[in-house]
Amino acid sequence: MAEILGSWLYLQAWPNPVFEGDALTLRCQGWKDVPLSQVKFYKDGKILHFSKGKQTLSMGAATVQSRGQYSCTGQVIYIPQMFTQTSETAMVQVQELFPPPVLSAVPSPEPREGNLVTLRCQIKLHPLRSALRLLISFHKDGRTLQDRGPHPELCIPEVIGGDSGLYWCEVAPEGGQHHGLADPAVGDVVQLLCEAQRGSPPILYSFYLDEKIVGNHSAPGGGTASLLFPVKSEHDPGIPSCEAENSISRERSEPKSSPLLLRLVL
């Protein structure tokens, strides 16, 4: 239990440490259990909750958004006096159970037709939660290939042309919410997609990673353009964006920080 001491009040936050999904509870405690009234809880300087006498606040399941600076105020009843006091600030850090999973294709994300390919969803649990049971699902092009289960691998016995596409995995603690999409690993190939919603062809598409151009593609008839990008280091592929240009105008997309998806290339 974390305790931040003030002159008359201290704020308790538990459990400590706090992980995603834990039931986070705050308590505004008087010195030597002196009675409190008119209790207010604050997060990052903004009031969260007011109670005439209740000193405990249940915050529900902790998320990354639960991180912040917490404090409380209350009227201290110390006969014959009554005065308002403020606790010192407590920093609540909500730790991830695990970083985004990494999806890899073994032996290669570029298999030959007819070969065996195994998709492996790799998860690194926090050491303090190493016994947590995880459920893993695999997806391709917006549909589920394997629903939530304990198996971290999906086998494609004989790859055919229809198996080419965008794959990802999702991971959830048993009874909890899924955690993101898989980040591509070194050696994987990711696909950047760009489509102009309007505009007369031909259209020239330019692809960027971290604001640096990595390639372009001409679409004489308009529509969607794509660029395959091999991940060569852990710092790739960066934050992607694209630009579409025709003879009349030029339009740039907003950079997207969401993970890029693994692509099997046949």
C-alpha atoms as a PDB file:
ATOM      1  CA  MET A   1       0.000   0.000   0.000  1.00  0.00           C
ATOM      2  CA  ALA A   2       1.464   3.344  -1.056  1.00  0.00           C
ATOM      3  CA  GLU A   3       1.157   6.157   1.497  1.00  0.00           C
ATOM      4  CA  ILE A   4       1.936   9.827   0.842  1.00  0.00           C
ATOM      5  CA  LEU A   5       2.067  11.770   4.082  1.00  0.00           C
ATOM      6  CA  GLY A   6       0.798  15.304   4.657  1.00  0.00           C
ATOM      7  CA  SER A   7       0.531  17.282   7.892  1.00  0.00           C
ATOM      8  CA  TRP A   8      -2.939  15.985   8.802  1.00  0.00           C
ATOM      9  CA  LEU A   9      -4.021  13.903   5.809  1.00  0.00           C
ATOM     10  CA  TYR A  10      -2.389  11.268   3.682  1.00  0.00           C
ATOM     11  CA  LEU A  11      -3.633   9.607   0.528  1.00  0.00           C
ATOM     12  CA  GLN A  12      -3.404   5.839   0.161  1.00  0.00           C
ATOM     13  CA  ALA A  13      -3.565   4.135  -3.235  1.00  0.00           C
ATOM     14  CA  TRP A  14      -3.667   0.371  -3.530  1.00  0.00           C
ATOM     15  CA  PRO A  15      -2.702  -2.172  -4.703  1.00  0.00           C
ATOM     16  CA  ASN A  16       0.921  -1.210  -5.115  1.00  0.00           C
ATOM     17  CA  PRO A  17       2.168  -1.658  -7.751  1.00  0.00           C
ATOM     18  CA  VAL A  18      -0.945  -1.176  -9.887  1.00  0.00           C
ATOM     19  CA  PHE A  19      -1.365  -3.153 -13.117  1.00  0.00           C
ATOM     20  CA  GLU A  20      -3.903  -2.799 -15.881  1.00  0.00           C
ATOM     21  CA  GLY A  21      -7.139  -4.479 -14.790  1.00  0.00           C
ATOM     22  CA  ASP A  22      -6.459  -4.207 -11.041  1.00  0.00           C
ATOM     23  CA  ALA A  23      -9.221  -2.754  -8.864  1.00  0.00           C
ATOM     24  CA  LEU A  24      -7.763   0.636  -7.948  1.00  0.00           C
ATOM     25  CA  THR A  25      -8.851   2.120  -4.603  1.00  0.00           C
ATOM     26  CA  LEU A  26      -8.037   5.488  -3.020  1.00  0.00           C
ATOM     27  CA  ARG A  27      -8.383   6.339   0.666  1.00  0.00           C
ATOM     28  CA  CYS A  28      -8.121   9.766   2.292  1.00  0.00           C
ATOM     29  CA  GLN A  29      -6.848   9.022   5.781  1.00  0.00           C
ATOM     30  CA  GLY A  30      -6.708  11.368   8.753  1.00  0.00           C
ATOM     31  CA  TRP A  31      -3.646  11.488  11.006  1.00  0.00           C
ATOM     32  CA  LYS A  32      -4.110   8.990  13.857  1.00  0.00           C
ATOM     33  CA  ASP A  33      -7.461   8.090  12.191  1.00  0.00           C
ATOM     34  CA  VAL A  34      -8.900  11.469  13.087  1.00  0.00           C
ATOM     35  CA  PRO A  35     -12.481  11.699  11.659  1.00  0.00           C
ATOM     36  CA  LEU A  36     -12.958  13.496   8.319  1.00  0.00           C
ATOM     37  CA  SER A  37     -15.920  15.123   6.592  1.00  0.00           C
ATOM     38  CA  GLN A  38     -16.467  16.952   3.290  1.00  0.00           C
ATOM     39  CA  VAL A  39     -13.929  14.689   1.572  1.00  0.00           C
ATOM     40  CA  LYS A  40     -12.862  15.533  -1.981  1.00  0.00           C
ATOM     41  CA  PHE A  41     -10.619  13.455  -4.237  1.00  0.00           C
ATOM     42  CA  TYR A  42      -8.606  15.065  -7.054  1.00  0.00           C
ATOM     43  CA  LYS A  43      -6.753  13.808 -10.095  1.00  0.00           C
ATOM     44  CA  ASP A  44      -4.281  16.099 -11.858  1.00  0.00           C
ATOM     45  CA  GLY A  45      -5.799  19.057 -10.024  1.00  0.00           C
ATOM     46  CA  LYS A  46      -9.404  18.318 -11.090  1.00  0.00           C
ATOM     47  CA  ILE A  47     -12.041  17.086  -8.675  1.00  0.00           C
ATOM     48  CA  LEU A  48     -13.002  13.448  -9.059  1.00  0.00           C
ATOM     49  CA  HIS A  49     -15.454  12.834  -6.250  1.00  0.00           C
ATOM     50  CA  PHE A  50     -17.070  14.492  -3.227  1.00  0.00           C
ATOM     51  CA  SER A  51     -18.489  12.795  -0.156  1.00  0.00           C
ATOM     52  CA  LYS A  52     -19.768  14.210   3.123  1.00  0.00           C
ATOM     53  CA  GLY A  53     -18.093  11.463   5.110  1.00  0.00           C
ATOM     54  CA  LYS A  54     -16.887   8.549   2.999  1.00  0.00           C
ATOM     55  CA  GLN A  55     -13.092   8.405   2.912  1.00  0.00           C
ATOM     56  CA  THR A  56     -12.665   5.614   0.343  1.00  0.00           C
ATOM     57  CA  LEU A  57     -13.097   5.893  -3.420  1.00  0.00           C
ATOM     58  CA  SER A  58     -13.259   2.848  -5.713  1.00  0.00           C
ATOM     59  CA  MET A  59     -11.826   3.708  -9.151  1.00  0.00           C
ATOM     60  CA  GLY A  60     -12.803   0.457 -10.864  1.00  0.00           C
ATOM     61  CA  ALA A  61     -10.449  -1.471 -13.128  1.00  0.00           C
ATOM     62  CA  ALA A  62      -7.212   0.442 -13.669  1.00  0.00           C
ATOM     63  CA  THR A  63      -6.251   1.436 -17.203  1.00  0.00           C
ATOM     64  CA  VAL A  64      -3.407   3.468 -18.671  1.00  0.00           C
ATOM     65  CA  GLN A  65      -5.733   6.481 -18.380  1.00  0.00           C
ATOM     66  CA  SER A  66      -5.811   5.970 -14.594  1.00  0.00           C
ATOM     67  CA  ARG A  67      -2.230   7.204 -14.339  1.00  0.00           C
ATOM     68  CA  GLY A  68      -1.904  10.605 -12.727  1.00  0.00           C
ATOM     69  CA  GLN A  69      -1.345  12.788  -9.679  1.00  0.00           C
ATOM     70  CA  TYR A  70      -3.936  12.155  -6.947  1.00  0.00           C
ATOM     71  CA  SER A  71      -4.694  14.092  -3.764  1.00  0.00           C
ATOM     72  CA  CYS A  72      -7.539  14.685  -1.348  1.00  0.00           C
ATOM     73  CA  THR A  73      -8.923  17.340   0.951  1.00  0.00           C
ATOM     74  CA  GLY A  74     -11.161  17.003   3.984  1.00  0.00           C
ATOM     75  CA  GLN A  75     -12.415  18.747   7.086  1.00  0.00           C
ATOM     76  CA  VAL A  76     -10.450  17.495  10.064  1.00  0.00           C
ATOM     77  CA  ILE A  77     -12.504  17.183  13.247  1.00  0.00           C
ATOM     78  CA  TYR A  78     -10.075  17.675  16.107  1.00  0.00           C
ATOM     79  CA  ILE A  79     -12.026  18.876  19.111  1.00  0.00           C
ATOM     80  CA  PRO A  80     -12.481  21.708  19.738  1.00  0.00           C
ATOM     81  CA  GLN A  81     -11.366  22.618  16.209  1.00  0.00           C
ATOM     82  CA  MET A  82     -12.566  21.829  12.664  1.00  0.00           C
ATOM     83  CA  PHE A  83     -10.417  22.828   9.696  1.00  0.00           C
ATOM     84  CA  THR A  84      -9.810  21.825   6.070  1.00  0.00           C
ATOM     85  CA  GLN A  85      -6.564  20.112   5.170  1.00  0.00           C
ATOM     86  CA  THR A  86      -5.006  18.908   1.895  1.00  0.00           C
ATOM     87  CA  SER A  87      -2.929  15.794   1.477  1.00  0.00           C
ATOM     88  CA  GLU A  88       0.313  15.708  -0.444  1.00  0.00           C
ATOM     89  CA  THR A  89       0.115  14.409  -4.010  1.00  0.00           C
ATOM     90  CA  ALA A  90       0.442  10.708  -4.767  1.00  0.00           C
ATOM     91  CA  MET A  91       1.639   9.630  -8.196  1.00  0.00           C
ATOM     92  CA  VAL A  92      -0.220   6.543  -9.376  1.00  0.00           C
ATOM     93  CA  GLN A  93       1.573   4.605 -12.123  1.00  0.00           C
ATOM     94  CA  VAL A  94      -0.451   1.920 -13.884  1.00  0.00           C
ATOM     95  CA  GLN A  95       1.892  -0.659 -15.367  1.00  0.00           C
ATOM     96  CA  GLU A  96       1.228  -2.662 -18.502  1.00  0.00           C
ATOM     97  CA  LEU A  97       0.699  -6.383 -18.050  1.00  0.00           C
ATOM     98  CA  PHE A  98       2.721  -6.805 -21.240  1.00  0.00           C
ATOM     99  CA  PRO A  99       3.810  -4.710 -24.222  1.00  0.00           C
ATOM    100  CA  PRO A 100       2.043  -5.178 -27.579  1.00  0.00           C
ATOM    101  CA  PRO A 101       2.539  -8.738 -28.831  1.00  0.00           C
ATOM    102  CA  VAL A 102       4.980  -9.433 -31.648  1.00  0.00           C
ATOM    103  CA  LEU A 103       3.719 -11.555 -34.535  1.00  0.00           C
ATOM    104  CA  SER A 104       6.264 -13.496 -36.573  1.00  0.00           C
ATOM    105  CA  ALA A 105       6.093 -16.032 -39.398  1.00  0.00           C
ATOM    106  CA  VAL A 106       8.320 -19.115 -39.200  1.00  0.00           C
ATOM    107  CA  PRO A 107      10.388 -19.938 -41.183  1.00  0.00           C
ATOM    108  CA  SER A 108       9.692 -16.792 -43.243  1.00  0.00           C
ATOM    109  CA  PRO A 109       6.980 -14.192 -43.990  1.00  0.00           C
ATOM    110  CA  GLU A 110       7.647 -14.889 -47.670  1.00  0.00           C
ATOM    111  CA  PRO A 111       6.953 -18.631 -48.015  1.00  0.00           C
ATOM    112  CA  ARG A 112       6.822 -20.655 -51.201  1.00  0.00           C
ATOM    113  CA  GLU A 113       3.438 -22.044 -52.221  1.00  0.00           C
ATOM    114  CA  GLY A 114       2.817 -25.434 -50.623  1.00  0.00           C
ATOM    115  CA  ASN A 115       5.195 -24.857 -47.703  1.00  0.00           C
ATOM    116  CA  LEU A 116       4.333 -24.950 -44.018  1.00  0.00           C
ATOM    117  CA  VAL A 117       4.139 -21.593 -42.193  1.00  0.00           C
ATOM    118  CA  THR A 118       3.663 -21.091 -38.467  1.00  0.00           C
ATOM    119  CA  LEU A 119       2.404 -17.765 -37.130  1.00  0.00           C
ATOM    120  CA  ARG A 120       3.803 -17.122 -33.664  1.00  0.00           C
ATOM    121  CA  CYS A 121       2.329 -14.524 -31.283  1.00  0.00           C
ATOM    122  CA  GLN A 122       5.043 -13.645 -28.797  1.00  0.00           C
ATOM    123  CA  ILE A 123       4.112 -12.068 -25.452  1.00  0.00           C
ATOM    124  CA  LYS A 124       6.396 -10.921 -22.661  1.00  0.00           C
ATOM    125  CA  LEU A 125       4.519 -10.796 -19.365  1.00  0.00           C
ATOM    126  CA  HIS A 126       5.637  -8.560 -16.517  1.00  0.00           C
ATOM    127  CA  PRO A 127       7.668 -10.673 -14.028  1.00  0.00           C
ATOM    128  CA  LEU A 128       5.202  -9.880 -11.218  1.00  0.00           C
ATOM    129  CA  ARG A 129       2.339 -11.271 -13.321  1.00  0.00           C
ATOM    130  CA  SER A 130       4.149 -14.220 -14.899  1.00  0.00           C
ATOM    131  CA  ALA A 131       1.463 -16.687 -13.745  1.00  0.00           C
ATOM    132  CA  LEU A 132      -1.330 -14.823 -15.532  1.00  0.00           C
ATOM    133  CA  ARG A 133      -3.276 -16.961 -18.010  1.00  0.00           C
ATOM    134  CA  LEU A 134      -3.497 -15.370 -21.446  1.00  0.00           C
ATOM    135  CA  LEU A 135      -5.917 -15.944 -24.311  1.00  0.00           C
ATOM    136  CA  ILE A 136      -4.683 -15.394 -27.874  1.00  0.00           C
ATOM    137  CA  SER A 137      -6.578 -14.951 -31.132  1.00  0.00           C
ATOM    138  CA  PHE A 138      -5.352 -14.754 -34.725  1.00  0.00           C
ATOM    139  CA  HIS A 139      -6.873 -12.624 -37.476  1.00  0.00           C
ATOM    140  CA  LYS A 140      -6.470 -12.075 -41.221  1.00  0.00           C
ATOM    141  CA  ASP A 141      -7.870  -9.242 -43.338  1.00  0.00           C
ATOM    142  CA  GLY A 142     -10.567  -8.409 -40.790  1.00  0.00           C
ATOM    143  CA  ARG A 143     -11.755 -11.960 -40.043  1.00  0.00           C
ATOM    144  CA  THR A 144     -10.911 -14.296 -37.171  1.00  0.00           C
ATOM    145  CA  LEU A 145      -8.817 -17.350 -38.001  1.00  0.00           C
ATOM    146  CA  GLN A 146      -8.534 -18.698 -34.467  1.00  0.00           C
ATOM    147  CA  ASP A 147     -10.675 -17.468 -31.583  1.00  0.00           C
ATOM    148  CA  ARG A 148      -9.358 -16.797 -28.094  1.00  0.00           C
ATOM    149  CA  GLY A 149      -7.439 -19.698 -26.680  1.00  0.00           C
ATOM    150  CA  PRO A 150      -4.224 -20.574 -24.815  1.00  0.00           C
ATOM    151  CA  HIS A 151      -2.206 -21.473 -27.928  1.00  0.00           C
ATOM    152  CA  PRO A 152       0.338 -18.835 -29.077  1.00  0.00           C
ATOM    153  CA  GLU A 153       0.820 -20.391 -32.534  1.00  0.00           C
ATOM    154  CA  LEU A 154      -1.286 -20.892 -35.650  1.00  0.00           C
ATOM    155  CA  CYS A 155      -0.149 -23.348 -38.309  1.00  0.00           C
ATOM    156  CA  ILE A 156      -0.861 -23.012 -42.037  1.00  0.00           C
ATOM    157  CA  PRO A 157       0.061 -26.515 -43.303  1.00  0.00           C
ATOM    158  CA  GLU A 158       0.272 -25.746 -47.038  1.00  0.00           C
ATOM    159  CA  VAL A 159       0.365 -22.118 -48.108  1.00  0.00           C
ATOM    160  CA  ILE A 160      -1.670 -21.233 -51.194  1.00  0.00           C
ATOM    161  CA  GLY A 161      -2.230 -17.968 -53.019  1.00  0.00           C
ATOM    162  CA  GLY A 162      -5.346 -17.173 -50.989  1.00  0.00           C
ATOM    163  CA  ASP A 163      -3.307 -17.178 -47.775  1.00  0.00           C
ATOM    164  CA  SER A 164      -1.563 -13.960 -48.753  1.00  0.00           C
ATOM    165  CA  GLY A 165      -2.817 -11.033 -46.675  1.00  0.00           C
ATOM    166  CA  LEU A 166      -2.547  -9.008 -43.498  1.00  0.00           C
ATOM    167  CA  TYR A 167      -2.288 -11.019 -40.295  1.00  0.00           C
ATOM    168  CA  TRP A 168      -2.268  -9.993 -36.660  1.00  0.00           C
ATOM    169  CA  CYS A 169      -2.826 -11.419 -33.193  1.00  0.00           C
ATOM    170  CA  GLU A 170      -4.613 -10.113 -30.139  1.00  0.00           C
ATOM    171  CA  VAL A 171      -3.936 -11.060 -26.524  1.00  0.00           C
ATOM    172  CA  ALA A 172      -6.166 -10.794 -23.465  1.00  0.00           C
ATOM    173  CA  PRO A 173      -5.805 -11.879 -19.851  1.00  0.00           C
ATOM    174  CA  GLU A 174      -8.457 -14.440 -19.005  1.00  0.00           C
ATOM    175  CA  GLY A 175     -11.638 -12.485 -18.231  1.00  0.00           C
ATOM    176  CA  GLY A 176     -10.104  -9.199 -19.460  1.00  0.00           C
ATOM    177  CA  GLN A 177     -10.000  -7.020 -22.552  1.00  0.00           C
ATOM    178  CA  HIS A 178      -7.732  -7.694 -25.507  1.00  0.00           C
ATOM    179  CA  HIS A 179      -4.463  -5.806 -25.853  1.00  0.00           C
ATOM    180  CA  GLY A 180      -3.814  -4.182 -29.163  1.00  0.00           C
ATOM    181  CA  LEU A 181      -2.426  -5.477 -32.405  1.00  0.00           C
ATOM    182  CA  ALA A 182       0.897  -7.126 -32.931  1.00  0.00           C
ATOM    183  CA  ASP A 183       3.925  -5.041 -33.778  1.00  0.00           C
ATOM    184  CA  PRO A 184       5.953  -6.327 -36.721  1.00  0.00           C
ATOM    185  CA  ALA A 185       9.298  -7.939 -35.947  1.00  0.00           C
ATOM    186  CA  VAL A 186      12.666  -7.603 -37.663  1.00  0.00           C
ATOM    187  CA  GLY A 187      12.549  -9.596 -40.883  1.00  0.00           C
ATOM    188  CA  ASP A 188       8.815  -9.183 -41.374  1.00  0.00           C
ATOM    189  CA  VAL A 189       7.283  -7.391 -44.342  1.00  0.00           C
ATOM    190  CA  VAL A 190       4.565  -4.818 -43.688  1.00  0.00           C
ATOM    191  CA  GLN A 191       2.202  -3.315 -46.207  1.00  0.00           C
ATOM    192  CA  LEU A 192       1.414   0.398 -46.316  1.00  0.00           C
ATOM    193  CA  LEU A 193      -1.922   1.190 -47.936  1.00  0.00           C
ATOM    194  CA  CYS A 194      -3.062   4.560 -49.273  1.00  0.00           C
ATOM    195  CA  GLU A 195      -6.306   5.515 -51.011  1.00  0.00           C
ATOM    196  CA  ALA A 196      -7.567   8.909 -52.211  1.00  0.00           C
ATOM    197  CA  GLN A 197     -11.295   9.166 -51.493  1.00  0.00           C
ATOM    198  CA  ARG A 198     -11.775  11.542 -54.425  1.00  0.00           C
ATOM    199  CA  GLY A 199      -9.770  13.032 -57.275  1.00  0.00           C
ATOM    200  CA  SER A 200      -9.284  12.364 -60.961  1.00  0.00           C
ATOM    201  CA  PRO A 201      -6.671   9.827 -62.094  1.00  0.00           C
ATOM    202  CA  PRO A 202      -3.855   9.366 -62.691  1.00  0.00           C
ATOM    203  CA  ILE A 203      -2.772   9.650 -59.053  1.00  0.00           C
ATOM    204  CA  LEU A 204       0.778   9.541 -57.714  1.00  0.00           C
ATOM    205  CA  TYR A 205       1.013   8.116 -54.190  1.00  0.00           C
ATOM    206  CA  SER A 206       4.026   8.809 -51.958  1.00  0.00           C
ATOM    207  CA  PHE A 207       4.658   6.834 -48.779  1.00  0.00           C
ATOM    208  CA  TYR A 208       6.399   8.202 -45.662  1.00  0.00           C
ATOM    209  CA  LEU A 209       7.728   6.744 -42.419  1.00  0.00           C
ATOM    210  CA  ASP A 210       8.505   9.256 -39.682  1.00  0.00           C
ATOM    211  CA  GLU A 211       8.072  12.006 -42.320  1.00  0.00           C
ATOM    212  CA  LYS A 212      10.779  10.484 -44.563  1.00  0.00           C
ATOM    213  CA  ILE A 213       9.758   9.291 -48.025  1.00  0.00           C
ATOM    214  CA  VAL A 214      10.264   5.547 -48.522  1.00  0.00           C
ATOM    215  CA  GLY A 215       8.655   5.039 -51.943  1.00  0.00           C
ATOM    216  CA  ASN A 216       5.948   6.016 -54.387  1.00  0.00           C
ATOM    217  CA  HIS A 217       3.448   4.334 -56.650  1.00  0.00           C
ATOM    218  CA  SER A 218       1.506   5.553 -59.672  1.00  0.00           C
ATOM    219  CA  ALA A 219      -2.165   4.587 -60.043  1.00  0.00           C
ATOM    220  CA  PRO A 220      -3.246   5.416 -63.628  1.00  0.00           C
ATOM    221  CA  GLY A 221      -6.848   4.443 -62.895  1.00  0.00           C
ATOM    222  CA  GLY A 222      -7.008   5.784 -59.318  1.00  0.00           C
ATOM    223  CA  GLY A 223      -7.992   3.563 -56.404  1.00  0.00           C
ATOM    224  CA  THR A 224      -5.729   2.086 -53.718  1.00  0.00           C
ATOM    225  CA  ALA A 225      -1.949   1.896 -53.843  1.00  0.00           C
ATOM    226  CA  SER A 226       0.323  -0.170 -51.614  1.00  0.00           C
ATOM    227  CA  LEU A 227       3.985  -0.394 -50.713  1.00  0.00           C
ATOM    228  CA  LEU A 228       5.740  -3.400 -49.159  1.00  0.00           C
ATOM    229  CA  PHE A 229       8.287  -2.424 -46.522  1.00  0.00           C
ATOM    230  CA  PRO A 230      10.786  -4.882 -44.995  1.00  0.00           C
ATOM    231  CA  VAL A 231      11.415  -4.346 -41.270  1.00  0.00           C
ATOM    232  CA  LYS A 232      15.207  -4.227 -40.928  1.00  0.00           C
ATOM    233  CA  SER A 233      15.609  -3.014 -37.343  1.00  0.00           C
ATOM    234  CA  GLU A 234      13.618  -2.682 -34.124  1.00  0.00           C
ATOM    235  CA  HIS A 235      13.222   1.034 -34.890  1.00  0.00           C
ATOM    236  CA  ASP A 236      11.305   0.272 -38.098  1.00  0.00           C
ATOM    237  CA  PRO A 237       8.746   0.812 -39.428  1.00  0.00           C
ATOM    238  CA  GLY A 238       8.053   4.162 -37.727  1.00  0.00           C
ATOM    239  CA  ILE A 239       4.866   6.201 -37.995  1.00  0.00           C
ATOM    240  CA  PRO A 240       3.382   5.944 -41.498  1.00  0.00           C
ATOM    241  CA  SER A 241       1.621   8.527 -43.635  1.00  0.00           C
ATOM    242  CA  CYS A 242       0.978   8.982 -47.338  1.00  0.00           C
ATOM    243  CA  GLU A 243       0.367  11.663 -49.932  1.00  0.00           C
ATOM    244  CA  ALA A 244      -1.844  11.561 -53.043  1.00  0.00           C
ATOM    245  CA  GLU A 245      -1.237  13.957 -55.921  1.00  0.00           C
ATOM    246  CA  ASN A 246      -2.902  14.470 -59.298  1.00  0.00           C
ATOM    247  CA  SER A 247      -2.751  17.279 -61.868  1.00  0.00           C
ATOM    248  CA  ILE A 248      -5.093  19.448 -59.798  1.00  0.00           C
ATOM    249  CA  SER A 249      -4.199  19.071 -56.118  1.00  0.00           C
ATOM    250  CA  ARG A 250      -2.171  17.274 -53.468  1.00  0.00           C
ATOM    251  CA  GLU A 251      -3.481  15.772 -50.223  1.00  0.00           C
ATOM    252  CA  ARG A 252      -1.548  14.393 -47.244  1.00  0.00           C
ATOM    253  CA  SER A 253      -2.853  11.909 -44.676  1.00  0.00           C
ATOM    254  CA  GLU A 254      -2.446  12.307 -40.936  1.00  0.00           C
ATOM    255  CA  PRO A 255       0.404  10.195 -39.478  1.00  0.00           C
ATOM    256  CA  LYS A 256      -0.926   7.036 -37.834  1.00  0.00           C
ATOM    257  CA  SER A 257       0.701   5.712 -34.686  1.00  0.00           C
ATOM    258  CA  SER A 258      -1.325   2.476 -34.631  1.00  0.00           C
ATOM    259  CA  PRO A 259       0.724  -0.672 -35.247  1.00  0.00           C
ATOM    260  CA  LEU A 260       1.347  -1.856 -38.780  1.00  0.00           C
ATOM    261  CA  LEU A 261       0.317  -5.393 -39.592  1.00  0.00           C
ATOM    262  CA  LEU A 262       2.357  -8.340 -40.772  1.00  0.00           C
ATOM    263  CA  ARG A 263       1.899  -9.354 -44.389  1.00  0.00           C
ATOM    264  CA  LEU A 264       2.622 -12.766 -45.866  1.00  0.00           C
ATOM    265  CA  VAL A 265       3.975 -12.317 -49.374  1.00  0.00           C
ATOM    266  CA  LEU A 266       3.694 -15.223 -51.813  1.00  0.00           C
END
